[in-house]
Protein backbone atom coordinates (compact mmCIF):
# COMPACT_ATOMS: atom_id res chain seq x y z
CA MET A 1 0.00 0.00 0.00
CA LYS A 2 1.13 3.52 -0.77
CA THR A 3 1.30 6.14 1.90
CA SER A 4 1.22 9.79 1.02
CA GLU A 5 2.85 12.08 3.55
CA ASN A 6 1.18 15.19 2.10
CA SER A 7 -2.43 14.10 2.40
CA GLY A 8 -2.16 11.66 5.31
CA TYR A 9 -4.00 8.73 3.78
CA ARG A 10 -3.00 5.46 2.19
CA LYS A 11 -4.36 4.02 -1.02
CA ARG A 12 -6.55 0.99 -0.48
CA THR A 13 -8.13 -1.75 -2.52
CA GLN A 14 -11.69 -2.99 -2.07
CA LYS A 15 -10.64 -6.04 -0.04
CA ASP A 16 -8.89 -3.88 2.57
CA TYR A 17 -12.14 -2.59 4.09
CA SER A 18 -13.38 -4.57 7.07
CA LEU A 19 -16.97 -4.55 8.19
CA SER A 20 -16.06 -2.72 11.40
CA PHE A 21 -14.29 -0.02 9.35
CA LYS A 22 -17.34 0.40 7.12
CA LEU A 23 -19.69 0.61 10.12
CA GLN A 24 -17.45 3.16 11.84
CA LEU A 25 -17.33 5.31 8.70
CA ILE A 26 -21.13 5.09 8.27
CA GLN A 27 -21.59 6.11 11.91
CA GLU A 28 -19.33 9.15 11.45
CA ILE A 29 -21.26 10.24 8.38
CA GLU A 30 -24.69 9.70 9.95
CA GLN A 31 -23.67 11.65 13.08
CA GLY A 32 -22.54 14.55 10.91
CA VAL A 33 -18.86 14.32 11.83
CA LEU A 34 -17.88 13.84 8.17
CA THR A 35 -19.50 14.27 4.79
CA LYS A 36 -19.24 11.52 2.18
CA SER A 37 -16.52 13.38 0.27
CA GLU A 38 -14.57 14.17 3.46
CA ALA A 39 -14.70 10.51 4.51
CA LYS A 40 -13.52 9.47 1.07
CA THR A 41 -10.56 11.84 1.24
CA LYS A 42 -9.71 11.11 4.88
CA TYR A 43 -9.63 7.34 4.47
CA GLY A 44 -8.28 7.19 0.91
CA ILE A 45 -11.34 5.57 -0.65
CA GLN A 46 -10.95 5.64 -4.41
CA GLY A 47 -14.40 4.72 -5.73
CA ASP A 48 -16.90 7.55 -6.14
CA SER A 49 -19.91 5.41 -5.22
CA THR A 50 -18.27 3.20 -2.58
CA VAL A 51 -19.32 5.26 0.44
CA ARG A 52 -22.83 5.75 -0.99
CA LYS A 53 -23.21 1.99 -1.43
CA TRP A 54 -22.05 1.40 2.14
CA LEU A 55 -24.60 3.95 3.37
CA GLN A 56 -27.34 2.14 1.47
CA LYS A 57 -26.24 -1.25 2.72
CA TYR A 58 -25.30 -0.58 6.35
CA GLY A 59 -26.80 2.83 7.16
CA ASN A 60 -29.93 3.59 9.18
CA PHE A 61 -31.72 5.46 6.38
CA ASP A 62 -34.47 3.50 4.62
CA TRP A 63 -33.36 3.80 0.96
CA GLU A 64 -36.09 1.52 -0.42
CA ASN A 65 -38.99 3.60 0.92
CA GLN A 66 -37.47 6.97 0.16
CA ALA A 67 -40.00 9.41 -1.22
CA PRO A 68 -38.76 11.71 -3.95
CA ILE A 69 -38.22 15.23 -2.70
CA THR A 70 -39.92 17.82 -4.86
CA MET A 71 -39.30 21.49 -4.41
CA SER A 72 -42.35 23.68 -4.67
CA LYS A 73 -42.22 26.02 -7.63
CA THR A 74 -43.14 29.65 -7.66
CA PRO A 75 -46.11 30.63 -9.84
CA GLU A 76 -43.72 32.37 -12.25
CA GLN A 77 -41.63 29.21 -12.64
CA ARG A 78 -44.79 27.17 -13.18
CA ILE A 79 -46.02 29.63 -15.84
CA LEU A 80 -42.68 29.49 -17.67
CA GLU A 81 -42.73 25.70 -17.51
CA LEU A 82 -46.28 25.55 -18.88
CA GLU A 83 -45.47 28.03 -21.66
CA ALA A 84 -42.53 25.87 -22.73
CA LYS A 85 -44.80 22.82 -22.68
CA VAL A 86 -47.39 24.64 -24.84
CA LYS A 87 -44.70 25.57 -27.39
CA LEU A 88 -43.52 21.97 -27.52
CA LEU A 89 -47.07 20.69 -28.00
CA GLU A 90 -47.72 23.24 -30.76
CA LYS A 91 -44.58 22.05 -32.58
CA GLN A 92 -45.65 18.43 -32.17
CA LYS A 93 -49.14 19.24 -33.47
CA ALA A 94 -47.75 21.05 -36.52
CA ARG A 95 -45.47 18.11 -37.23
CA ALA A 96 -48.35 15.63 -36.89
CA GLU A 97 -50.52 17.73 -39.24
CA HIS A 98 -47.68 17.88 -41.76
CA LEU A 99 -47.21 14.10 -41.61
CA ALA A 100 -50.97 13.50 -41.97
CA GLU A 101 -51.13 15.78 -45.02
CA ARG A 102 -48.14 14.01 -46.52
CA ALA A 103 -49.73 10.60 -45.89
CA ASP A 104 -52.94 11.78 -47.60
CA LYS A 105 -50.95 12.94 -50.63
CA LYS A 106 -49.13 9.61 -50.77
CA ALA A 107 -52.46 7.74 -50.69
CA ILE A 108 -53.81 9.87 -53.55
CA ILE A 109 -50.67 9.29 -55.62
CA PHE A 110 -50.81 5.55 -54.89
CA ASP A 111 -54.44 5.41 -56.04
CA MET A 112 -53.55 7.26 -59.23
CA LEU A 113 -50.70 4.84 -59.92
CA VAL A 114 -52.97 1.83 -59.36
CA ASP A 115 -55.58 3.33 -61.71
CA LEU A 116 -52.91 3.96 -64.32
CA ALA A 117 -51.54 0.42 -63.99
CA GLU A 118 -55.03 -1.12 -64.26
CA LYS A 119 -55.72 0.91 -67.40
CA GLU A 120 -52.30 0.25 -68.97
CA TYR A 121 -52.13 -3.48 -68.30
CA GLN A 122 -55.90 -4.09 -68.38
CA ILE A 123 -55.95 -6.06 -65.13
CA ASP A 124 -57.82 -5.59 -61.87
CA ILE A 125 -55.30 -4.80 -59.15
CA ARG A 126 -57.80 -3.80 -56.48
CA LYS A 127 -60.01 -6.48 -55.02
CA ASN A 128 -63.69 -5.72 -55.23
CA TYR A 129 -65.29 -6.28 -51.87
CA THR A 130 -69.06 -6.38 -51.86
CA PRO A 131 -70.88 -5.11 -48.82
CA ASP A 132 -73.20 -8.18 -48.99
CA LEU A 133 -72.75 -10.83 -46.37
CA SER A 134 -71.12 -14.05 -47.47
CA THR A 135 -73.43 -17.05 -47.99
CA SER A 136 -72.30 -18.81 -44.83
CA SER A 137 -73.04 -15.80 -42.66
CA LYS A 138 -76.43 -15.30 -44.38
CA LYS A 139 -77.45 -18.82 -43.41
CA SER A 140 -76.41 -18.30 -39.79
CA THR A 141 -78.42 -15.06 -39.52
CA GLU A 142 -81.52 -16.64 -41.09
CA LYS A 143 -81.53 -19.46 -38.54
CA GLN A 144 -81.67 -17.05 -35.60
């Protein structure tokens, strides 16, 4: 292990940390003696999330039932947020209208091409569906 005389800590690997060390460090943080970053610097912990993981695993705070903290917004902030949302929705609406118009034009062009192909090659490309019921369904409705 390396010892630095300037900073007063020694570099460690993950296997160097005993359970008692972890519990002591968690206790210091929870009592407010050290912050997470101060503990990391003081004890030479290299990983950025190591102390946070120890707090989740061994600490007293209930991480699983933590409710998200939401800051209340001022009316001005809320208005600005809603105005931005309206602008976004207007852009999305314009884009949807443009795509719908384009799809309609494509359908018209496709119909024209099918008509042209039917005329040119003298074949029926479209299937002719009759609105009449098929014979099997007529029989079933007559029986009822």
